Protein backbone atom coordinates (compact mmCIF):
# COMPACT_ATOMS: atom_id res chain seq x y z
CA UNK A 1 9.64 13.76 2.15
CA UNK A 2 6.27 15.35 2.68
CA UNK A 3 3.41 12.94 3.17
CA UNK A 4 -0.11 13.97 2.32
CA UNK A 5 -2.74 12.12 4.37
CA UNK A 6 -5.42 10.65 2.11
CA UNK A 7 -7.53 8.51 4.39
CA UNK A 8 -7.95 5.88 7.05
CA UNK A 9 -10.06 2.73 7.07
CA UNK A 10 -13.60 4.04 7.65
CA UNK A 11 -14.32 1.08 9.93
CA UNK A 12 -11.12 1.41 11.92
CA UNK A 13 -11.20 0.19 15.48
CA UNK A 14 -9.00 0.67 18.50
CA UNK A 15 -5.46 -0.33 17.56
CA UNK A 16 -6.32 -1.05 13.92
CA UNK A 17 -5.84 1.77 11.49
CA UNK A 18 -4.96 0.93 7.89
CA UNK A 19 -4.02 4.31 6.43
CA UNK A 20 -2.97 5.74 3.06
CA UNK A 21 -0.69 8.69 2.35
CA UNK A 22 0.94 10.02 -0.80
CA UNK A 23 4.52 11.22 -0.96
CA UNK A 24 3.89 13.95 -3.52
CA UNK A 25 7.57 14.72 -3.99
CA UNK A 26 8.20 11.15 -5.15
CA UNK A 27 4.78 10.30 -6.60
CA UNK A 28 4.49 7.25 -4.35
CA UNK A 29 1.77 5.73 -2.21
CA UNK A 30 2.57 4.96 1.42
CA UNK A 31 0.25 2.31 2.86
CA UNK A 32 -0.14 1.13 6.42
CA UNK A 33 -1.99 -2.14 6.75
CA UNK A 34 -2.11 -5.45 8.52
CA UNK A 35 0.83 -7.81 8.34
CA UNK A 36 -0.12 -10.89 6.34
CA UNK A 37 -0.33 -14.34 7.83
CA UNK A 38 2.39 -16.84 6.92
CA UNK A 39 0.25 -18.52 4.24
CA UNK A 40 -0.44 -15.24 2.44
CA UNK A 41 3.18 -14.18 2.59
CA UNK A 42 4.31 -17.57 1.27
CA UNK A 43 1.82 -17.38 -1.60
CA UNK A 44 3.01 -13.88 -2.53
CA UNK A 45 6.65 -14.97 -2.27
CA UNK A 46 6.01 -17.87 -4.63
CA UNK A 47 4.22 -15.81 -7.28
CA UNK A 48 6.18 -15.92 -10.51
CA UNK A 49 6.47 -12.92 -12.81
CA UNK A 50 8.47 -13.43 -16.00
CA UNK A 51 11.79 -11.65 -15.82
CA UNK A 52 11.73 -11.18 -12.05
CA UNK A 53 13.18 -13.16 -9.18
CA UNK A 54 10.71 -15.17 -7.14
CA UNK A 55 10.30 -14.05 -3.55
CA UNK A 56 9.94 -10.89 -1.52
CA UNK A 57 13.21 -8.96 -1.23
CA UNK A 58 14.40 -8.11 2.27
CA UNK A 59 13.76 -4.40 1.66
CA UNK A 60 10.10 -4.96 0.66
CA UNK A 61 7.00 -6.17 2.45
CA UNK A 62 3.41 -7.23 1.91
CA UNK A 63 0.48 -5.62 3.74
CA UNK A 64 -3.25 -6.20 3.68
CA UNK A 65 -5.86 -3.45 3.47
CA UNK A 66 -9.63 -3.97 3.41
CA UNK A 67 -11.52 -3.66 0.13
CA UNK A 68 -13.68 -0.95 1.71
CA UNK A 69 -10.61 1.29 1.30
CA UNK A 70 -10.71 1.11 -2.51
CA UNK A 71 -12.12 4.68 -2.80
CA UNK A 72 -9.28 5.94 -0.60
CA UNK A 73 -6.72 4.07 -2.69
CA UNK A 74 -8.23 5.50 -5.90
CA UNK A 75 -7.92 9.00 -4.50
CA UNK A 76 -4.32 8.32 -3.50
CA UNK A 77 -3.54 7.05 -7.00
CA UNK A 78 -5.00 10.20 -8.54
CA UNK A 79 -2.99 12.44 -6.19
CA UNK A 80 0.19 10.50 -6.95
CA UNK A 81 -0.43 10.77 -10.69
CA UNK A 82 -1.06 14.51 -10.49
CA UNK A 83 2.15 15.00 -8.52
CA UNK A 84 4.08 13.42 -11.40
CA UNK A 85 2.65 16.01 -13.80
CA UNK A 86 4.19 19.00 -12.00
């Protein structure tokens, strides 16, 4: 795995650093963010999608990132898409 750093929260403070990378070999985004509070996690776990089990599988997690990181996430999406075209 080779991660490509895309960006960090532009308003990051001491000990808080939501960050985005792209794993170009797999075409995947890797996101570091804040752990959700119990209410957010419960709401996500109860969200129903037709054809899928309800809940968050043990091997998955939910993170929060600030909306100010949207440009960084867009860039990461573009990098991930380009890596799939190789």
